Amino acid sequence: MISGEFSAFAILSLTAISGGILMLNVTKVVHMLISLVLTFVSIAGLYILLTAEFIAVVQILIYSGAITIIMLFGIMLTRKTDEEEPSAGRLKKGLVFASTAVFAVVMYIGIYRLDLNGDPAALHENNTEQIGVALFSKHIIPFELTSVLLLAALIGAIILAKKDEEKEEQS
């Protein structure tokens, strides 16, 4: 009998894989971004199944939210035209399908040959608290340096966008 946890895992993993394949096969950049968000949200669901709720929330906030917005701003700032590229030929589609099928078979064989008869490990009951304590005690310097680096990148992007705007006004 199939459990609900296995069903959720199967649906989420197939959704994540489908989003990745879809991202590689669509031609419009915005559609690629939407399929990437689908993959990120599916991976967050897999984290929830692993009882890593904090990591799941961070996955949604950082990757599905912030990284996607940054990519969208990057697309808008570079003014990439969203032109339709010619559709891929039969050879390319056949190669994509064949390589995906080979990957699926290799993963299937690899998963079923695993020996998972080890002793079960106890799950962390306070994993969010442990992450917070580690982040703000042992890793406070890298955490602060990362925030300064991201702030510098944001300021640099604003300055570059403003310079491009001034050049267009002078033309």
C-alpha atoms as a PDB file:
ATOM      1  CA  MET A   1       0.000   0.000   0.000  1.00  0.00           C
ATOM      2  CA  ILE A   2       1.327   3.423  -0.951  1.00  0.00           C
ATOM      3  CA  SER A   3       1.565   5.926   1.899  1.00  0.00           C
ATOM      4  CA  GLY A   4       0.644   9.582   1.672  1.00  0.00           C
ATOM      5  CA  GLU A   5       4.250  10.559   2.314  1.00  0.00           C
ATOM      6  CA  PHE A   6       5.420   8.484  -0.656  1.00  0.00           C
ATOM      7  CA  SER A   7       2.690   9.984  -2.851  1.00  0.00           C
ATOM      8  CA  ALA A   8       3.685  13.516  -1.825  1.00  0.00           C
ATOM      9  CA  PHE A   9       7.343  12.698  -2.507  1.00  0.00           C
ATOM     10  CA  ALA A  10       6.524  11.286  -5.939  1.00  0.00           C
ATOM     11  CA  ILE A  11       4.389  14.293  -6.902  1.00  0.00           C
ATOM     12  CA  LEU A  12       6.885  16.867  -5.616  1.00  0.00           C
ATOM     13  CA  SER A  13       9.908  15.185  -7.189  1.00  0.00           C
ATOM     14  CA  LEU A  14       8.170  14.777 -10.547  1.00  0.00           C
ATOM     15  CA  THR A  15       7.095  18.428 -10.387  1.00  0.00           C
ATOM     16  CA  ALA A  16      10.663  19.534  -9.631  1.00  0.00           C
ATOM     17  CA  ILE A  17      12.083  17.464 -12.490  1.00  0.00           C
ATOM     18  CA  SER A  18       9.342  18.647 -14.854  1.00  0.00           C
ATOM     19  CA  GLY A  19      10.038  22.272 -13.948  1.00  0.00           C
ATOM     20  CA  GLY A  20      13.735  21.783 -14.690  1.00  0.00           C
ATOM     21  CA  ILE A  21      13.078  20.116 -18.024  1.00  0.00           C
ATOM     22  CA  LEU A  22      10.480  22.743 -18.901  1.00  0.00           C
ATOM     23  CA  MET A  23      12.948  25.517 -18.061  1.00  0.00           C
ATOM     24  CA  LEU A  24      15.444  24.078 -20.537  1.00  0.00           C
ATOM     25  CA  ASN A  25      12.897  23.690 -23.320  1.00  0.00           C
ATOM     26  CA  VAL A  26      10.873  26.935 -23.303  1.00  0.00           C
ATOM     27  CA  THR A  27      12.080  29.828 -25.415  1.00  0.00           C
ATOM     28  CA  LYS A  28      10.818  32.914 -23.566  1.00  0.00           C
ATOM     29  CA  VAL A  29      12.945  34.092 -20.663  1.00  0.00           C
ATOM     30  CA  VAL A  30       9.988  34.898 -18.416  1.00  0.00           C
ATOM     31  CA  HIS A  31       8.567  31.402 -18.967  1.00  0.00           C
ATOM     32  CA  MET A  32      11.951  29.984 -17.983  1.00  0.00           C
ATOM     33  CA  LEU A  33      11.787  31.986 -14.778  1.00  0.00           C
ATOM     34  CA  ILE A  34       8.290  30.715 -13.970  1.00  0.00           C
ATOM     35  CA  SER A  35       9.351  27.101 -14.462  1.00  0.00           C
ATOM     36  CA  LEU A  36      12.378  27.765 -12.245  1.00  0.00           C
ATOM     37  CA  VAL A  37      10.029  29.016  -9.507  1.00  0.00           C
ATOM     38  CA  LEU A  38       8.004  25.808  -9.926  1.00  0.00           C
ATOM     39  CA  THR A  39      11.170  23.799  -9.338  1.00  0.00           C
ATOM     40  CA  PHE A  40      12.143  25.875  -6.287  1.00  0.00           C
ATOM     41  CA  VAL A  41       8.707  25.503  -4.670  1.00  0.00           C
ATOM     42  CA  SER A  42       8.737  21.746  -5.293  1.00  0.00           C
ATOM     43  CA  ILE A  43      12.123  21.457  -3.630  1.00  0.00           C
ATOM     44  CA  ALA A  44      10.752  23.401  -0.651  1.00  0.00           C
ATOM     45  CA  GLY A  45       7.995  20.810  -0.410  1.00  0.00           C
ATOM     46  CA  LEU A  46      10.624  18.071  -0.365  1.00  0.00           C
ATOM     47  CA  TYR A  47      12.355  19.856   2.519  1.00  0.00           C
ATOM     48  CA  ILE A  48       9.063  19.837   4.429  1.00  0.00           C
ATOM     49  CA  LEU A  49       8.833  16.078   3.899  1.00  0.00           C
ATOM     50  CA  LEU A  50      12.312  15.809   5.437  1.00  0.00           C
ATOM     51  CA  THR A  51      11.062  17.762   8.497  1.00  0.00           C
ATOM     52  CA  ALA A  52      13.348  20.683   7.690  1.00  0.00           C
ATOM     53  CA  GLU A  53      10.695  23.381   7.885  1.00  0.00           C
ATOM     54  CA  PHE A  54      13.143  26.247   8.369  1.00  0.00           C
ATOM     55  CA  ILE A  55      15.089  25.287   5.247  1.00  0.00           C
ATOM     56  CA  ALA A  56      11.795  25.005   3.332  1.00  0.00           C
ATOM     57  CA  VAL A  57      10.752  28.522   4.347  1.00  0.00           C
ATOM     58  CA  VAL A  58      14.203  29.870   3.469  1.00  0.00           C
ATOM     59  CA  GLN A  59      13.978  28.079   0.107  1.00  0.00           C
ATOM     60  CA  ILE A  60      10.695  29.808  -0.650  1.00  0.00           C
ATOM     61  CA  LEU A  61      11.754  33.238   0.638  1.00  0.00           C
ATOM     62  CA  ILE A  62      15.266  33.344  -0.800  1.00  0.00           C
ATOM     63  CA  TYR A  63      15.112  31.302  -3.990  1.00  0.00           C
ATOM     64  CA  SER A  64      11.476  31.505  -5.046  1.00  0.00           C
ATOM     65  CA  GLY A  65      11.213  35.111  -3.962  1.00  0.00           C
ATOM     66  CA  ALA A  66      14.426  37.088  -3.872  1.00  0.00           C
ATOM     67  CA  ILE A  67      16.536  35.274  -6.466  1.00  0.00           C
ATOM     68  CA  THR A  68      13.642  35.179  -8.921  1.00  0.00           C
ATOM     69  CA  ILE A  69      13.014  38.909  -8.473  1.00  0.00           C
ATOM     70  CA  ILE A  70      16.716  39.646  -8.974  1.00  0.00           C
ATOM     71  CA  MET A  71      16.712  37.573 -12.173  1.00  0.00           C
ATOM     72  CA  LEU A  72      13.584  39.382 -13.377  1.00  0.00           C
ATOM     73  CA  PHE A  73      15.192  42.764 -12.667  1.00  0.00           C
ATOM     74  CA  GLY A  74      18.307  41.613 -14.507  1.00  0.00           C
ATOM     75  CA  ILE A  75      16.202  40.716 -17.523  1.00  0.00           C
ATOM     76  CA  MET A  76      14.396  44.049 -17.391  1.00  0.00           C
ATOM     77  CA  LEU A  77      17.568  46.117 -16.895  1.00  0.00           C
ATOM     78  CA  THR A  78      19.373  44.491 -19.798  1.00  0.00           C
ATOM     79  CA  ARG A  79      16.282  45.039 -21.937  1.00  0.00           C
ATOM     80  CA  LYS A  80      16.536  41.613 -23.479  1.00  0.00           C
ATOM     81  CA  THR A  81      14.004  41.371 -26.243  1.00  0.00           C
ATOM     82  CA  ASP A  82      11.646  38.494 -25.721  1.00  0.00           C
ATOM     83  CA  GLU A  83      11.756  37.256 -29.266  1.00  0.00           C
ATOM     84  CA  GLU A  84      10.607  33.837 -30.296  1.00  0.00           C
ATOM     85  CA  GLU A  85      13.534  31.715 -31.310  1.00  0.00           C
ATOM     86  CA  PRO A  86      13.049  29.223 -34.077  1.00  0.00           C
ATOM     87  CA  SER A  87      11.652  25.964 -32.827  1.00  0.00           C
ATOM     88  CA  ALA A  88      14.156  23.184 -32.251  1.00  0.00           C
ATOM     89  CA  GLY A  89      14.478  20.545 -34.911  1.00  0.00           C
ATOM     90  CA  ARG A  90      13.480  16.918 -34.564  1.00  0.00           C
ATOM     91  CA  LEU A  91      17.084  15.878 -33.932  1.00  0.00           C
ATOM     92  CA  LYS A  92      17.443  18.206 -30.946  1.00  0.00           C
ATOM     93  CA  LYS A  93      14.082  17.147 -29.490  1.00  0.00           C
ATOM     94  CA  GLY A  94      15.016  13.490 -29.958  1.00  0.00           C
ATOM     95  CA  LEU A  95      18.364  14.011 -28.219  1.00  0.00           C
ATOM     96  CA  VAL A  96      16.696  15.816 -25.321  1.00  0.00           C
ATOM     97  CA  PHE A  97      14.161  13.013 -24.929  1.00  0.00           C
ATOM     98  CA  ALA A  98      16.818  10.290 -25.214  1.00  0.00           C
ATOM     99  CA  SER A  99      19.134  11.937 -22.684  1.00  0.00           C
ATOM    100  CA  THR A 100      16.225  12.465 -20.262  1.00  0.00           C
ATOM    101  CA  ALA A 101      15.211   8.816 -20.623  1.00  0.00           C
ATOM    102  CA  VAL A 102      18.793   7.629 -20.057  1.00  0.00           C
ATOM    103  CA  PHE A 103      19.055   9.847 -16.972  1.00  0.00           C
ATOM    104  CA  ALA A 104      15.776   8.454 -15.612  1.00  0.00           C
ATOM    105  CA  VAL A 105      16.913   4.844 -16.145  1.00  0.00           C
ATOM    106  CA  VAL A 106      20.299   5.467 -14.504  1.00  0.00           C
ATOM    107  CA  MET A 107      18.638   7.129 -11.501  1.00  0.00           C
ATOM    108  CA  TYR A 108      16.110   4.294 -11.218  1.00  0.00           C
ATOM    109  CA  ILE A 109      18.850   1.666 -11.245  1.00  0.00           C
ATOM    110  CA  GLY A 110      20.989   3.658  -8.805  1.00  0.00           C
ATOM    111  CA  ILE A 111      18.168   4.163  -6.320  1.00  0.00           C
ATOM    112  CA  TYR A 112      17.107   0.541  -6.281  1.00  0.00           C
ATOM    113  CA  ARG A 113      20.664  -0.702  -5.808  1.00  0.00           C
ATOM    114  CA  LEU A 114      21.162   1.424  -2.675  1.00  0.00           C
ATOM    115  CA  ASP A 115      21.614  -0.399   0.593  1.00  0.00           C
ATOM    116  CA  LEU A 116      19.630   1.565   3.167  1.00  0.00           C
ATOM    117  CA  ASN A 117      19.760  -0.969   5.994  1.00  0.00           C
ATOM    118  CA  GLY A 118      21.656   1.308   8.392  1.00  0.00           C
ATOM    119  CA  ASP A 119      20.448   2.317  11.821  1.00  0.00           C
ATOM    120  CA  PRO A 120      17.831   5.069  11.757  1.00  0.00           C
ATOM    121  CA  ALA A 121      19.143   8.392  12.950  1.00  0.00           C
ATOM    122  CA  ALA A 122      17.222  10.526  15.414  1.00  0.00           C
ATOM    123  CA  LEU A 123      15.831  13.671  13.845  1.00  0.00           C
ATOM    124  CA  HIS A 124      16.692  17.000  15.380  1.00  0.00           C
ATOM    125  CA  GLU A 125      13.778  18.281  17.370  1.00  0.00           C
ATOM    126  CA  ASN A 126      14.938  21.891  17.528  1.00  0.00           C
ATOM    127  CA  ASN A 127      16.596  22.212  14.135  1.00  0.00           C
ATOM    128  CA  THR A 128      15.536  25.855  13.648  1.00  0.00           C
ATOM    129  CA  GLU A 129      16.962  26.815  17.025  1.00  0.00           C
ATOM    130  CA  GLN A 130      20.208  24.971  16.295  1.00  0.00           C
ATOM    131  CA  ILE A 131      20.564  26.751  12.942  1.00  0.00           C
ATOM    132  CA  GLY A 132      19.984  30.132  14.611  1.00  0.00           C
ATOM    133  CA  VAL A 133      22.496  29.472  17.376  1.00  0.00           C
ATOM    134  CA  ALA A 134      25.125  28.292  14.866  1.00  0.00           C
ATOM    135  CA  LEU A 135      24.470  31.214  12.510  1.00  0.00           C
ATOM    136  CA  PHE A 136      24.666  33.925  15.149  1.00  0.00           C
ATOM    137  CA  SER A 137      27.510  32.461  17.198  1.00  0.00           C
ATOM    138  CA  LYS A 138      30.006  30.503  15.087  1.00  0.00           C
ATOM    139  CA  HIS A 139      29.215  32.027  11.689  1.00  0.00           C
ATOM    140  CA  ILE A 140      28.393  35.656  12.509  1.00  0.00           C
ATOM    141  CA  ILE A 141      31.320  37.132  10.528  1.00  0.00           C
ATOM    142  CA  PRO A 142      30.493  35.354   7.218  1.00  0.00           C
ATOM    143  CA  PHE A 143      26.813  36.218   7.768  1.00  0.00           C
ATOM    144  CA  GLU A 144      27.579  39.933   8.153  1.00  0.00           C
ATOM    145  CA  LEU A 145      30.077  39.927   5.270  1.00  0.00           C
ATOM    146  CA  THR A 146      27.457  38.361   3.021  1.00  0.00           C
ATOM    147  CA  SER A 147      24.959  41.079   3.918  1.00  0.00           C
ATOM    148  CA  VAL A 148      27.542  43.805   3.151  1.00  0.00           C
ATOM    149  CA  LEU A 149      28.392  42.120  -0.170  1.00  0.00           C
ATOM    150  CA  LEU A 150      24.710  41.947  -1.167  1.00  0.00           C
ATOM    151  CA  LEU A 151      24.227  45.605  -0.213  1.00  0.00           C
ATOM    152  CA  ALA A 152      27.246  46.608  -2.334  1.00  0.00           C
ATOM    153  CA  ALA A 153      25.872  44.612  -5.291  1.00  0.00           C
ATOM    154  CA  LEU A 154      22.487  46.334  -4.928  1.00  0.00           C
ATOM    155  CA  ILE A 155      24.078  49.791  -4.830  1.00  0.00           C
ATOM    156  CA  GLY A 156      26.242  48.922  -7.847  1.00  0.00           C
ATOM    157  CA  ALA A 157      23.215  47.745  -9.826  1.00  0.00           C
ATOM    158  CA  ILE A 158      21.361  50.980  -9.054  1.00  0.00           C
ATOM    159  CA  ILE A 159      24.356  53.086 -10.119  1.00  0.00           C
ATOM    160  CA  LEU A 160      24.746  51.141 -13.377  1.00  0.00           C
ATOM    161  CA  ALA A 161      21.035  51.451 -14.152  1.00  0.00           C
ATOM    162  CA  LYS A 162      21.145  55.189 -13.443  1.00  0.00           C
ATOM    163  CA  LYS A 163      24.155  55.678 -15.776  1.00  0.00           C
ATOM    164  CA  ASP A 164      22.322  53.894 -18.603  1.00  0.00           C
ATOM    165  CA  GLU A 165      19.291  56.088 -17.988  1.00  0.00           C
ATOM    166  CA  GLU A 166      21.416  59.270 -18.165  1.00  0.00           C
ATOM    167  CA  LYS A 167      23.046  58.124 -21.443  1.00  0.00           C
ATOM    168  CA  GLU A 168      19.616  57.572 -23.017  1.00  0.00           C
ATOM    169  CA  GLU A 169      18.449  61.027 -21.956  1.00  0.00           C
ATOM    170  CA  GLN A 170      21.530  62.639 -23.545  1.00  0.00           C
ATOM    171  CA  SER A 171      20.993  60.835 -26.854  1.00  0.00           C
END
